[in-house]
Amino acid sequence: RKVFSDDVIRISFKKAYDLGYVYTFLKSKVGNLILRTNGYGSVITHIEPDHLAEIQIPNAPVEIRERINDLIARSYTLRDESNEMIDEATNLLVQELQLPPIYEMEKATAEVNTFSVKLSNVFGRLDASYHVPVVNAIISHLQRYAEEITSVGDARISKEVILPPRFARVYVDEGYGRVLIGGKQLYELDPAGKKYLSTEKHKSLLDRLEVSHNTTLITRSGTIGKVALVPKHWEHWVPSDHIIRVVPADNSIAGYLNIFLASDYGHQLITRYTYGSVVDEIDDDHVRDIPIPLLKNKDVQKTINDHALAANQKRYEAFQLEQKALEIMDS
């Protein structure tokens, strides 16, 4: 019951088992290559429903189709369960801090086009976006309902906040280097269009580039404030230098940190640091300064954290099931 744009083609199937089967074929390397060869357009590539209808697929026995479809169905069930756990964790956070909807905070504090700022609160920032009233409203609310407000840079919250250096990328073929992903791919379970960085050419930088399980990633330029928690299958992958890494102090805070930063309230606290006239940017010092509330009820905070980590584990299990389906398709 969602509405998608006219840039999305819909396919429905006569047999339920063909849904997961055709999905897997079109996602496989061979199927996806065939799909993309039908594209046209010199600037923006398109395909049409007629092109899709003409794509040939292998006519596998029903038992193979059913097996592949079952794996994909289970994979998406796990993704749904993961999303539900994240929603539940976010709701627990909102309830414990008694946070009103973000639009109410914006409406209550930003109905006028001008606002005043005390000189003592300027902090060297003369750009109005840093001082938007909704940020002050969020921080003021958190001070009332949280046990304490600290920051991402607090040693109890993070071991390290890493802004990788810009570097000349040396690409290699799949299997000969580390997976490289960009900010646009941050919400994908198995990012499409992966590139591969030469391990040999970048070995001096790898400790600053690769990521570990349960690290929080934040996009820092262009579209700022996209937040993701690194699943197990991204271990040792390399996000681009447009993504800041927040290495949690330990797993007792990793999930909670991610849930808060990914919330509407965390997003406002991240994007307030935006600077730049053409391309928006933030840096690692800004991320260290982002306020983080610690809850009065430690049991609720632990539940939020555990939900986030369990949701991340389900994403990993969903990835494994999809990879198994692709293996069956290929073999």
C-alpha atoms as a PDB file:
ATOM      1  CA  ARG A   1       0.000   0.000   0.000  1.00  0.00           C
ATOM      2  CA  LYS A   2       2.877   2.360  -0.764  1.00  0.00           C
ATOM      3  CA  VAL A   3       3.119   4.608  -3.807  1.00  0.00           C
ATOM      4  CA  PHE A   4       6.231   4.359  -5.995  1.00  0.00           C
ATOM      5  CA  SER A   5       7.374   6.739  -8.700  1.00  0.00           C
ATOM      6  CA  ASP A   6       7.038   6.105 -12.416  1.00  0.00           C
ATOM      7  CA  ASP A   7      10.753   5.263 -12.474  1.00  0.00           C
ATOM      8  CA  VAL A   8       9.986   1.897 -10.845  1.00  0.00           C
ATOM      9  CA  ILE A   9       8.722  -1.004 -12.966  1.00  0.00           C
ATOM     10  CA  ARG A  10       6.408  -3.490 -11.242  1.00  0.00           C
ATOM     11  CA  ILE A  11       6.276  -7.214 -12.061  1.00  0.00           C
ATOM     12  CA  SER A  12       3.601  -9.577 -10.742  1.00  0.00           C
ATOM     13  CA  PHE A  13       3.712 -13.339 -11.158  1.00  0.00           C
ATOM     14  CA  LYS A  14       1.182 -16.077 -11.810  1.00  0.00           C
ATOM     15  CA  LYS A  15       3.045 -18.519  -9.559  1.00  0.00           C
ATOM     16  CA  ALA A  16       4.177 -17.371  -6.108  1.00  0.00           C
ATOM     17  CA  TYR A  17       7.484 -19.226  -6.358  1.00  0.00           C
ATOM     18  CA  ASP A  18       8.494 -17.243  -9.461  1.00  0.00           C
ATOM     19  CA  LEU A  19       8.692 -14.034  -7.406  1.00  0.00           C
ATOM     20  CA  GLY A  20      11.847 -14.965  -5.498  1.00  0.00           C
ATOM     21  CA  TYR A  21      13.220 -16.939  -8.433  1.00  0.00           C
ATOM     22  CA  VAL A  22      13.067 -14.082 -10.981  1.00  0.00           C
ATOM     23  CA  TYR A  23      14.241 -11.596  -8.339  1.00  0.00           C
ATOM     24  CA  THR A  24      17.325 -13.768  -7.756  1.00  0.00           C
ATOM     25  CA  PHE A  25      18.040 -14.128 -11.468  1.00  0.00           C
ATOM     26  CA  LEU A  26      17.792 -10.374 -12.100  1.00  0.00           C
ATOM     27  CA  LYS A  27      20.044  -9.726  -9.077  1.00  0.00           C
ATOM     28  CA  SER A  28      22.646 -12.281 -10.168  1.00  0.00           C
ATOM     29  CA  LYS A  29      25.681 -11.051 -12.118  1.00  0.00           C
ATOM     30  CA  VAL A  30      24.526 -12.640 -15.354  1.00  0.00           C
ATOM     31  CA  GLY A  31      20.884 -11.605 -14.995  1.00  0.00           C
ATOM     32  CA  ASN A  32      21.724  -8.062 -13.971  1.00  0.00           C
ATOM     33  CA  LEU A  33      24.126  -7.682 -16.894  1.00  0.00           C
ATOM     34  CA  ILE A  34      21.404  -8.810 -19.302  1.00  0.00           C
ATOM     35  CA  LEU A  35      18.958  -6.409 -17.627  1.00  0.00           C
ATOM     36  CA  ARG A  36      21.307  -3.423 -17.967  1.00  0.00           C
ATOM     37  CA  THR A  37      22.200  -4.113 -21.609  1.00  0.00           C
ATOM     38  CA  ASN A  38      18.609  -3.178 -22.448  1.00  0.00           C
ATOM     39  CA  GLY A  39      19.145   0.370 -21.182  1.00  0.00           C
ATOM     40  CA  TYR A  40      19.007   3.389 -23.448  1.00  0.00           C
ATOM     41  CA  GLY A  41      19.791   7.083 -22.999  1.00  0.00           C
ATOM     42  CA  SER A  42      23.073   9.013 -23.122  1.00  0.00           C
ATOM     43  CA  VAL A  43      22.745  10.948 -19.837  1.00  0.00           C
ATOM     44  CA  ILE A  44      20.166   9.075 -17.749  1.00  0.00           C
ATOM     45  CA  THR A  45      19.833   5.400 -18.607  1.00  0.00           C
ATOM     46  CA  HIS A  46      16.331   3.933 -18.792  1.00  0.00           C
ATOM     47  CA  ILE A  47      14.663   0.614 -19.430  1.00  0.00           C
ATOM     48  CA  GLU A  48      11.021   0.144 -20.332  1.00  0.00           C
ATOM     49  CA  PRO A  49       8.495  -2.573 -19.378  1.00  0.00           C
ATOM     50  CA  ASP A  50       8.704  -3.891 -22.965  1.00  0.00           C
ATOM     51  CA  HIS A  51      12.455  -4.418 -22.540  1.00  0.00           C
ATOM     52  CA  LEU A  52      11.904  -6.246 -19.286  1.00  0.00           C
ATOM     53  CA  ALA A  53       9.198  -8.452 -20.754  1.00  0.00           C
ATOM     54  CA  GLU A  54      11.582  -9.659 -23.458  1.00  0.00           C
ATOM     55  CA  ILE A  55      14.381 -10.718 -21.098  1.00  0.00           C
ATOM     56  CA  GLN A  56      14.888 -14.465 -21.255  1.00  0.00           C
ATOM     57  CA  ILE A  57      15.243 -16.379 -18.006  1.00  0.00           C
ATOM     58  CA  PRO A  58      16.363 -19.982 -17.416  1.00  0.00           C
ATOM     59  CA  ASN A  59      13.378 -22.320 -17.225  1.00  0.00           C
ATOM     60  CA  ALA A  60      14.424 -24.190 -14.075  1.00  0.00           C
ATOM     61  CA  PRO A  61      12.478 -27.118 -12.557  1.00  0.00           C
ATOM     62  CA  VAL A  62       9.746 -26.111 -10.127  1.00  0.00           C
ATOM     63  CA  GLU A  63      11.580 -27.601  -7.119  1.00  0.00           C
ATOM     64  CA  ILE A  64      14.577 -25.309  -7.768  1.00  0.00           C
ATOM     65  CA  ARG A  65      12.339 -22.270  -8.181  1.00  0.00           C
ATOM     66  CA  GLU A  66      10.556 -23.102  -4.939  1.00  0.00           C
ATOM     67  CA  ARG A  67      13.844 -23.581  -3.086  1.00  0.00           C
ATOM     68  CA  ILE A  68      15.238 -20.232  -4.272  1.00  0.00           C
ATOM     69  CA  ASN A  69      11.943 -18.441  -3.594  1.00  0.00           C
ATOM     70  CA  ASP A  70      11.841 -19.862  -0.065  1.00  0.00           C
ATOM     71  CA  LEU A  71      15.327 -18.512   0.682  1.00  0.00           C
ATOM     72  CA  ILE A  72      14.404 -15.052  -0.624  1.00  0.00           C
ATOM     73  CA  ALA A  73      11.096 -15.035   1.279  1.00  0.00           C
ATOM     74  CA  ARG A  74      12.915 -15.936   4.516  1.00  0.00           C
ATOM     75  CA  SER A  75      15.529 -13.277   3.780  1.00  0.00           C
ATOM     76  CA  TYR A  76      12.866 -10.585   3.456  1.00  0.00           C
ATOM     77  CA  THR A  77      11.068 -11.818   6.553  1.00  0.00           C
ATOM     78  CA  LEU A  78      14.289 -11.232   8.492  1.00  0.00           C
ATOM     79  CA  ARG A  79      14.589  -7.742   6.993  1.00  0.00           C
ATOM     80  CA  ASP A  80      11.041  -6.965   8.077  1.00  0.00           C
ATOM     81  CA  GLU A  81      11.793  -8.252  11.573  1.00  0.00           C
ATOM     82  CA  SER A  82      14.962  -6.148  11.649  1.00  0.00           C
ATOM     83  CA  ASN A  83      13.036  -3.009  10.669  1.00  0.00           C
ATOM     84  CA  GLU A  84      10.384  -3.735  13.291  1.00  0.00           C
ATOM     85  CA  MET A  85      13.043  -4.075  16.006  1.00  0.00           C
ATOM     86  CA  ILE A  86      14.610  -0.760  14.974  1.00  0.00           C
ATOM     87  CA  ASP A  87      11.179   0.898  15.053  1.00  0.00           C
ATOM     88  CA  GLU A  88      10.525  -0.576  18.488  1.00  0.00           C
ATOM     89  CA  ALA A  89      13.905   0.609  19.784  1.00  0.00           C
ATOM     90  CA  THR A  90      13.248   4.107  18.421  1.00  0.00           C
ATOM     91  CA  ASN A  91       9.795   4.173  20.036  1.00  0.00           C
ATOM     92  CA  LEU A  92      11.317   3.159  23.385  1.00  0.00           C
ATOM     93  CA  LEU A  93      13.802   6.027  23.083  1.00  0.00           C
ATOM     94  CA  VAL A  94      11.052   8.512  22.268  1.00  0.00           C
ATOM     95  CA  GLN A  95       8.860   7.303  25.137  1.00  0.00           C
ATOM     96  CA  GLU A  96      11.636   7.308  27.727  1.00  0.00           C
ATOM     97  CA  LEU A  97      12.710  10.848  26.780  1.00  0.00           C
ATOM     98  CA  GLN A  98       9.075  11.965  26.262  1.00  0.00           C
ATOM     99  CA  LEU A  99      10.037  13.448  22.907  1.00  0.00           C
ATOM    100  CA  PRO A 100       7.248  15.119  20.929  1.00  0.00           C
ATOM    101  CA  PRO A 101       7.166  14.597  17.138  1.00  0.00           C
ATOM    102  CA  ILE A 102       9.941  16.544  15.444  1.00  0.00           C
ATOM    103  CA  TYR A 103       7.465  18.566  13.381  1.00  0.00           C
ATOM    104  CA  GLU A 104       5.907  19.887  16.586  1.00  0.00           C
ATOM    105  CA  MET A 105       9.318  21.042  17.801  1.00  0.00           C
ATOM    106  CA  GLU A 106       9.947  22.726  14.456  1.00  0.00           C
ATOM    107  CA  LYS A 107       6.495  24.331  14.449  1.00  0.00           C
ATOM    108  CA  ALA A 108       6.811  25.566  18.006  1.00  0.00           C
ATOM    109  CA  THR A 109      10.237  27.095  17.567  1.00  0.00           C
ATOM    110  CA  ALA A 110      10.581  28.186  13.965  1.00  0.00           C
ATOM    111  CA  GLU A 111       7.405  30.007  12.965  1.00  0.00           C
ATOM    112  CA  VAL A 112       9.330  33.203  12.271  1.00  0.00           C
ATOM    113  CA  ASN A 113      12.071  33.884   9.747  1.00  0.00           C
ATOM    114  CA  THR A 114      14.407  35.540  12.225  1.00  0.00           C
ATOM    115  CA  PHE A 115      15.652  34.639  15.667  1.00  0.00           C
ATOM    116  CA  SER A 116      18.186  36.020  18.115  1.00  0.00           C
ATOM    117  CA  VAL A 117      21.249  34.262  19.512  1.00  0.00           C
ATOM    118  CA  LYS A 118      23.189  35.226  22.609  1.00  0.00           C
ATOM    119  CA  LEU A 119      26.787  36.202  21.920  1.00  0.00           C
ATOM    120  CA  SER A 120      27.881  33.611  24.484  1.00  0.00           C
ATOM    121  CA  ASN A 121      26.212  30.908  22.351  1.00  0.00           C
ATOM    122  CA  VAL A 122      27.763  31.825  19.015  1.00  0.00           C
ATOM    123  CA  PHE A 123      30.748  29.435  19.463  1.00  0.00           C
ATOM    124  CA  GLY A 124      32.509  30.900  16.468  1.00  0.00           C
ATOM    125  CA  ARG A 125      29.661  30.004  14.077  1.00  0.00           C
ATOM    126  CA  LEU A 126      28.042  32.886  12.209  1.00  0.00           C
ATOM    127  CA  ASP A 127      25.992  30.648   9.896  1.00  0.00           C
ATOM    128  CA  ALA A 128      22.309  30.634  10.836  1.00  0.00           C
ATOM    129  CA  SER A 129      21.893  26.887  10.243  1.00  0.00           C
ATOM    130  CA  TYR A 130      24.019  26.172  13.329  1.00  0.00           C
ATOM    131  CA  HIS A 131      21.638  28.154  15.542  1.00  0.00           C
ATOM    132  CA  VAL A 132      18.245  26.971  14.258  1.00  0.00           C
ATOM    133  CA  PRO A 133      15.771  27.045  17.177  1.00  0.00           C
ATOM    134  CA  VAL A 134      14.721  23.405  16.780  1.00  0.00           C
ATOM    135  CA  VAL A 135      18.227  22.297  17.829  1.00  0.00           C
ATOM    136  CA  ASN A 136      18.033  24.346  21.014  1.00  0.00           C
ATOM    137  CA  ALA A 137      14.551  22.956  21.644  1.00  0.00           C
ATOM    138  CA  ILE A 138      15.825  19.361  21.316  1.00  0.00           C
ATOM    139  CA  ILE A 139      18.809  19.951  23.614  1.00  0.00           C
ATOM    140  CA  SER A 140      16.666  21.772  26.172  1.00  0.00           C
ATOM    141  CA  HIS A 141      14.171  18.895  26.153  1.00  0.00           C
ATOM    142  CA  LEU A 142      16.917  16.290  26.547  1.00  0.00           C
ATOM    143  CA  GLN A 143      18.360  18.180  29.510  1.00  0.00           C
ATOM    144  CA  ARG A 144      14.996  17.874  31.259  1.00  0.00           C
ATOM    145  CA  TYR A 145      14.351  14.182  30.635  1.00  0.00           C
ATOM    146  CA  ALA A 146      17.765  12.503  30.268  1.00  0.00           C
ATOM    147  CA  GLU A 147      19.948  11.555  33.186  1.00  0.00           C
ATOM    148  CA  GLU A 148      22.907  13.187  31.450  1.00  0.00           C
ATOM    149  CA  ILE A 149      23.857  14.675  28.112  1.00  0.00           C
ATOM    150  CA  THR A 150      27.319  13.802  26.911  1.00  0.00           C
ATOM    151  CA  SER A 151      28.793  13.786  23.393  1.00  0.00           C
ATOM    152  CA  VAL A 152      29.839  11.258  20.777  1.00  0.00           C
ATOM    153  CA  GLY A 153      33.497  11.953  21.595  1.00  0.00           C
ATOM    154  CA  ASP A 154      33.046  10.840  25.239  1.00  0.00           C
ATOM    155  CA  ALA A 155      35.231   7.766  25.920  1.00  0.00           C
ATOM    156  CA  ARG A 156      32.129   6.018  27.304  1.00  0.00           C
ATOM    157  CA  ILE A 157      30.456   6.422  23.924  1.00  0.00           C
ATOM    158  CA  SER A 158      33.198   5.992  21.321  1.00  0.00           C
ATOM    159  CA  LYS A 159      36.729   4.683  21.071  1.00  0.00           C
ATOM    160  CA  GLU A 160      37.434   6.738  17.988  1.00  0.00           C
ATOM    161  CA  VAL A 161      35.802   8.992  15.416  1.00  0.00           C
ATOM    162  CA  ILE A 162      37.565   8.525  12.089  1.00  0.00           C
ATOM    163  CA  LEU A 163      37.526  10.871   9.115  1.00  0.00           C
ATOM    164  CA  PRO A 164      39.608   9.029   6.502  1.00  0.00           C
ATOM    165  CA  PRO A 165      41.991  11.093   4.369  1.00  0.00           C
ATOM    166  CA  ARG A 166      41.235  11.752   0.738  1.00  0.00           C
ATOM    167  CA  PHE A 167      43.334   9.496  -1.462  1.00  0.00           C
ATOM    168  CA  ALA A 168      43.853   8.476  -5.079  1.00  0.00           C
ATOM    169  CA  ARG A 169      41.901   5.259  -5.560  1.00  0.00           C
ATOM    170  CA  VAL A 170      43.429   2.298  -7.360  1.00  0.00           C
ATOM    171  CA  TYR A 171      40.694  -0.093  -8.482  1.00  0.00           C
ATOM    172  CA  VAL A 172      41.084  -3.810  -9.154  1.00  0.00           C
ATOM    173  CA  ASP A 173      38.814  -6.644 -10.258  1.00  0.00           C
ATOM    174  CA  GLU A 174      36.535  -8.455  -7.835  1.00  0.00           C
ATOM    175  CA  GLY A 175      38.445 -10.884  -5.649  1.00  0.00           C
ATOM    176  CA  TYR A 176      41.656  -8.853  -5.713  1.00  0.00           C
ATOM    177  CA  GLY A 177      40.837  -6.075  -3.252  1.00  0.00           C
ATOM    178  CA  ARG A 178      38.535  -4.655  -0.588  1.00  0.00           C
ATOM    179  CA  VAL A 179      34.933  -3.738  -1.314  1.00  0.00           C
ATOM    180  CA  LEU A 180      34.416   0.044  -1.629  1.00  0.00           C
ATOM    181  CA  ILE A 181      30.964   1.553  -0.997  1.00  0.00           C
ATOM    182  CA  GLY A 182      29.707   5.135  -1.124  1.00  0.00           C
ATOM    183  CA  GLY A 183      27.120   7.162   0.754  1.00  0.00           C
ATOM    184  CA  LYS A 184      24.367   6.357  -1.767  1.00  0.00           C
ATOM    185  CA  GLN A 185      24.749   2.656  -0.952  1.00  0.00           C
ATOM    186  CA  LEU A 186      24.666   3.044   2.827  1.00  0.00           C
ATOM    187  CA  TYR A 187      21.094   1.774   3.266  1.00  0.00           C
ATOM    188  CA  GLU A 188      21.525  -1.246   0.968  1.00  0.00           C
ATOM    189  CA  LEU A 189      21.926  -4.706   2.488  1.00  0.00           C
ATOM    190  CA  ASP A 190      24.117  -5.874  -0.391  1.00  0.00           C
ATOM    191  CA  PRO A 191      25.190  -2.702  -2.210  1.00  0.00           C
ATOM    192  CA  ALA A 192      24.903  -2.891  -5.975  1.00  0.00           C
ATOM    193  CA  GLY A 193      27.671  -1.595  -8.203  1.00  0.00           C
ATOM    194  CA  LYS A 194      30.430  -2.343  -5.717  1.00  0.00           C
ATOM    195  CA  LYS A 195      33.973  -1.317  -6.612  1.00  0.00           C
ATOM    196  CA  TYR A 196      37.169  -2.908  -5.320  1.00  0.00           C
ATOM    197  CA  LEU A 197      40.216  -1.102  -3.939  1.00  0.00           C
ATOM    198  CA  SER A 198      43.697  -2.519  -4.355  1.00  0.00           C
ATOM    199  CA  THR A 199      44.833  -3.934  -1.000  1.00  0.00           C
ATOM    200  CA  GLU A 200      48.483  -3.622  -2.032  1.00  0.00           C
ATOM    201  CA  LYS A 201      48.296   0.024  -3.106  1.00  0.00           C
ATOM    202  CA  HIS A 202      46.303   1.139  -0.032  1.00  0.00           C
ATOM    203  CA  LYS A 203      47.762  -1.066   2.717  1.00  0.00           C
ATOM    204  CA  SER A 204      49.221   1.937   4.588  1.00  0.00           C
ATOM    205  CA  LEU A 205      45.705   3.421   4.852  1.00  0.00           C
ATOM    206  CA  LEU A 206      43.632   0.298   5.467  1.00  0.00           C
ATOM    207  CA  ASP A 207      43.505   0.675   9.252  1.00  0.00           C
ATOM    208  CA  ARG A 208      41.845   4.082   8.740  1.00  0.00           C
ATOM    209  CA  LEU A 209      39.655   2.989   5.846  1.00  0.00           C
ATOM    210  CA  GLU A 210      38.173  -0.424   6.655  1.00  0.00           C
ATOM    211  CA  VAL A 211      35.305  -0.800   9.118  1.00  0.00           C
ATOM    212  CA  SER A 212      34.412  -3.309  11.803  1.00  0.00           C
ATOM    213  CA  HIS A 213      31.119  -4.853  12.913  1.00  0.00           C
ATOM    214  CA  ASN A 214      28.707  -2.523  14.794  1.00  0.00           C
ATOM    215  CA  THR A 215      30.551   0.670  13.823  1.00  0.00           C
ATOM    216  CA  THR A 216      28.211   3.579  13.069  1.00  0.00           C
ATOM    217  CA  LEU A 217      28.692   5.274   9.689  1.00  0.00           C
ATOM    218  CA  ILE A 218      27.609   8.874   8.995  1.00  0.00           C
ATOM    219  CA  THR A 219      27.685  10.566   5.595  1.00  0.00           C
ATOM    220  CA  ARG A 220      29.638  13.809   5.868  1.00  0.00           C
ATOM    221  CA  SER A 221      29.285  15.574   2.521  1.00  0.00           C
ATOM    222  CA  GLY A 222      26.611  16.150  -0.082  1.00  0.00           C
ATOM    223  CA  THR A 223      23.683  14.464   1.651  1.00  0.00           C
ATOM    224  CA  ILE A 224      24.694  14.801   5.302  1.00  0.00           C
ATOM    225  CA  GLY A 225      23.446  12.692   8.172  1.00  0.00           C
ATOM    226  CA  LYS A 226      22.621   9.314   6.636  1.00  0.00           C
ATOM    227  CA  VAL A 227      23.369   6.860   9.448  1.00  0.00           C
ATOM    228  CA  ALA A 228      23.999   3.105   9.226  1.00  0.00           C
ATOM    229  CA  LEU A 229      25.234   0.368  11.531  1.00  0.00           C
ATOM    230  CA  VAL A 230      27.885  -1.883   9.974  1.00  0.00           C
ATOM    231  CA  PRO A 231      26.521  -5.459   9.652  1.00  0.00           C
ATOM    232  CA  LYS A 232      28.799  -8.457  10.029  1.00  0.00           C
ATOM    233  CA  HIS A 233      29.186  -9.045   6.286  1.00  0.00           C
ATOM    234  CA  TRP A 234      30.587  -5.500   5.849  1.00  0.00           C
ATOM    235  CA  GLU A 235      33.516  -6.331   8.146  1.00  0.00           C
ATOM    236  CA  HIS A 236      36.732  -5.007   6.520  1.00  0.00           C
ATOM    237  CA  TRP A 237      34.830  -3.267   3.732  1.00  0.00           C
ATOM    238  CA  VAL A 238      35.937   0.272   2.871  1.00  0.00           C
ATOM    239  CA  PRO A 239      33.360   3.082   2.902  1.00  0.00           C
ATOM    240  CA  SER A 240      34.454   6.112   0.896  1.00  0.00           C
ATOM    241  CA  ASP A 241      36.168   9.122   2.429  1.00  0.00           C
ATOM    242  CA  HIS A 242      32.765  10.864   2.369  1.00  0.00           C
ATOM    243  CA  ILE A 243      31.683   8.687   5.307  1.00  0.00           C
ATOM    244  CA  ILE A 244      32.765   9.202   8.938  1.00  0.00           C
ATOM    245  CA  ARG A 245      33.248   6.138  11.149  1.00  0.00           C
ATOM    246  CA  VAL A 246      32.208   6.177  14.817  1.00  0.00           C
ATOM    247  CA  VAL A 247      33.826   3.211  16.574  1.00  0.00           C
ATOM    248  CA  PRO A 248      31.731   2.482  19.701  1.00  0.00           C
ATOM    249  CA  ALA A 249      33.351   2.172  23.123  1.00  0.00           C
ATOM    250  CA  ASP A 250      31.878  -1.344  23.299  1.00  0.00           C
ATOM    251  CA  ASN A 251      28.784  -3.313  22.293  1.00  0.00           C
ATOM    252  CA  SER A 252      26.879  -2.110  25.358  1.00  0.00           C
ATOM    253  CA  ILE A 253      26.514   1.322  23.716  1.00  0.00           C
ATOM    254  CA  ALA A 254      26.942   0.595  19.968  1.00  0.00           C
ATOM    255  CA  GLY A 255      23.257  -0.045  19.231  1.00  0.00           C
ATOM    256  CA  TYR A 256      21.900   2.731  21.432  1.00  0.00           C
ATOM    257  CA  LEU A 257      24.269   5.269  19.843  1.00  0.00           C
ATOM    258  CA  ASN A 258      23.128   4.254  16.377  1.00  0.00           C
ATOM    259  CA  ILE A 259      19.418   4.421  17.241  1.00  0.00           C
ATOM    260  CA  PHE A 260      19.716   7.947  18.612  1.00  0.00           C
ATOM    261  CA  LEU A 261      21.837   9.286  15.741  1.00  0.00           C
ATOM    262  CA  ALA A 262      19.499   7.695  13.171  1.00  0.00           C
ATOM    263  CA  SER A 263      16.410   9.257  14.786  1.00  0.00           C
ATOM    264  CA  ASP A 264      14.798  12.495  13.596  1.00  0.00           C
ATOM    265  CA  TYR A 265      16.291  14.230  16.644  1.00  0.00           C
ATOM    266  CA  GLY A 266      19.784  12.892  16.040  1.00  0.00           C
ATOM    267  CA  HIS A 267      19.571  13.973  12.414  1.00  0.00           C
ATOM    268  CA  GLN A 268      18.876  17.569  13.453  1.00  0.00           C
ATOM    269  CA  LEU A 269      21.853  17.504  15.839  1.00  0.00           C
ATOM    270  CA  ILE A 270      24.128  16.161  13.089  1.00  0.00           C
ATOM    271  CA  THR A 271      23.097  18.530  10.327  1.00  0.00           C
ATOM    272  CA  ARG A 272      23.349  21.660  12.488  1.00  0.00           C
ATOM    273  CA  TYR A 273      27.139  21.536  11.929  1.00  0.00           C
ATOM    274  CA  THR A 274      26.796  21.776   8.147  1.00  0.00           C
ATOM    275  CA  TYR A 275      29.088  24.242   6.426  1.00  0.00           C
ATOM    276  CA  GLY A 276      29.983  25.012   2.813  1.00  0.00           C
ATOM    277  CA  SER A 277      28.532  27.200   0.073  1.00  0.00           C
ATOM    278  CA  VAL A 278      28.451  24.672  -2.793  1.00  0.00           C
ATOM    279  CA  VAL A 279      28.892  21.180  -1.307  1.00  0.00           C
ATOM    280  CA  ASP A 280      27.694  20.747   2.277  1.00  0.00           C
ATOM    281  CA  GLU A 281      30.251  19.235   4.668  1.00  0.00           C
ATOM    282  CA  ILE A 282      30.805  18.225   8.286  1.00  0.00           C
ATOM    283  CA  ASP A 283      33.988  16.801   9.813  1.00  0.00           C
ATOM    284  CA  ASP A 284      35.051  14.459  12.601  1.00  0.00           C
ATOM    285  CA  ASP A 285      35.340  17.253  15.203  1.00  0.00           C
ATOM    286  CA  HIS A 286      31.696  18.119  14.580  1.00  0.00           C
ATOM    287  CA  VAL A 287      30.669  14.478  15.054  1.00  0.00           C
ATOM    288  CA  ARG A 288      32.579  14.287  18.350  1.00  0.00           C
ATOM    289  CA  ASP A 289      30.561  17.283  19.587  1.00  0.00           C
ATOM    290  CA  ILE A 290      27.128  15.819  18.757  1.00  0.00           C
ATOM    291  CA  PRO A 291      25.093  15.615  22.013  1.00  0.00           C
ATOM    292  CA  ILE A 292      24.062  12.133  23.163  1.00  0.00           C
ATOM    293  CA  PRO A 293      21.512  11.669  25.993  1.00  0.00           C
ATOM    294  CA  LEU A 294      22.006   8.878  28.523  1.00  0.00           C
ATOM    295  CA  LEU A 295      18.748   7.568  29.936  1.00  0.00           C
ATOM    296  CA  LYS A 296      17.688   7.542  33.566  1.00  0.00           C
ATOM    297  CA  ASN A 297      16.334   4.027  33.144  1.00  0.00           C
ATOM    298  CA  LYS A 298      19.383   1.879  32.347  1.00  0.00           C
ATOM    299  CA  ASP A 299      17.218  -1.159  31.626  1.00  0.00           C
ATOM    300  CA  VAL A 300      15.409   0.705  28.847  1.00  0.00           C
ATOM    301  CA  GLN A 301      18.720   1.934  27.430  1.00  0.00           C
ATOM    302  CA  LYS A 302      20.009  -1.659  27.422  1.00  0.00           C
ATOM    303  CA  THR A 303      16.837  -2.885  25.698  1.00  0.00           C
ATOM    304  CA  ILE A 304      17.220  -0.229  22.989  1.00  0.00           C
ATOM    305  CA  ASN A 305      20.847  -1.226  22.507  1.00  0.00           C
ATOM    306  CA  ASP A 306      20.044  -4.946  22.381  1.00  0.00           C
ATOM    307  CA  HIS A 307      17.225  -4.407  19.884  1.00  0.00           C
ATOM    308  CA  ALA A 308      19.550  -2.500  17.555  1.00  0.00           C
ATOM    309  CA  LEU A 309      22.257  -5.178  17.702  1.00  0.00           C
ATOM    310  CA  ALA A 310      19.729  -7.981  17.222  1.00  0.00           C
ATOM    311  CA  ALA A 311      18.273  -6.121  14.228  1.00  0.00           C
ATOM    312  CA  ASN A 312      21.761  -5.830  12.753  1.00  0.00           C
ATOM    313  CA  GLN A 313      22.296  -9.572  13.215  1.00  0.00           C
ATOM    314  CA  LYS A 314      19.032 -10.278  11.370  1.00  0.00           C
ATOM    315  CA  ARG A 315      20.282  -8.184   8.450  1.00  0.00           C
ATOM    316  CA  TYR A 316      23.400 -10.340   8.312  1.00  0.00           C
ATOM    317  CA  GLU A 317      21.312 -13.530   8.361  1.00  0.00           C
ATOM    318  CA  ALA A 318      19.089 -12.065   5.606  1.00  0.00           C
ATOM    319  CA  PHE A 319      22.196 -11.384   3.518  1.00  0.00           C
ATOM    320  CA  GLN A 320      23.406 -14.966   3.985  1.00  0.00           C
ATOM    321  CA  LEU A 321      20.074 -16.398   2.811  1.00  0.00           C
ATOM    322  CA  GLU A 322      20.094 -14.195  -0.303  1.00  0.00           C
ATOM    323  CA  GLN A 323      23.685 -15.223  -1.065  1.00  0.00           C
ATOM    324  CA  LYS A 324      22.650 -18.871  -0.770  1.00  0.00           C
ATOM    325  CA  ALA A 325      19.863 -18.270  -3.299  1.00  0.00           C
ATOM    326  CA  LEU A 326      22.352 -16.635  -5.668  1.00  0.00           C
ATOM    327  CA  GLU A 327      24.741 -19.571  -5.257  1.00  0.00           C
ATOM    328  CA  ILE A 328      21.984 -22.003  -6.234  1.00  0.00           C
ATOM    329  CA  MET A 329      21.112 -19.837  -9.241  1.00  0.00           C
ATOM    330  CA  ASP A 330      24.732 -19.688 -10.391  1.00  0.00           C
ATOM    331  CA  SER A 331      25.433 -23.384  -9.863  1.00  0.00           C
END
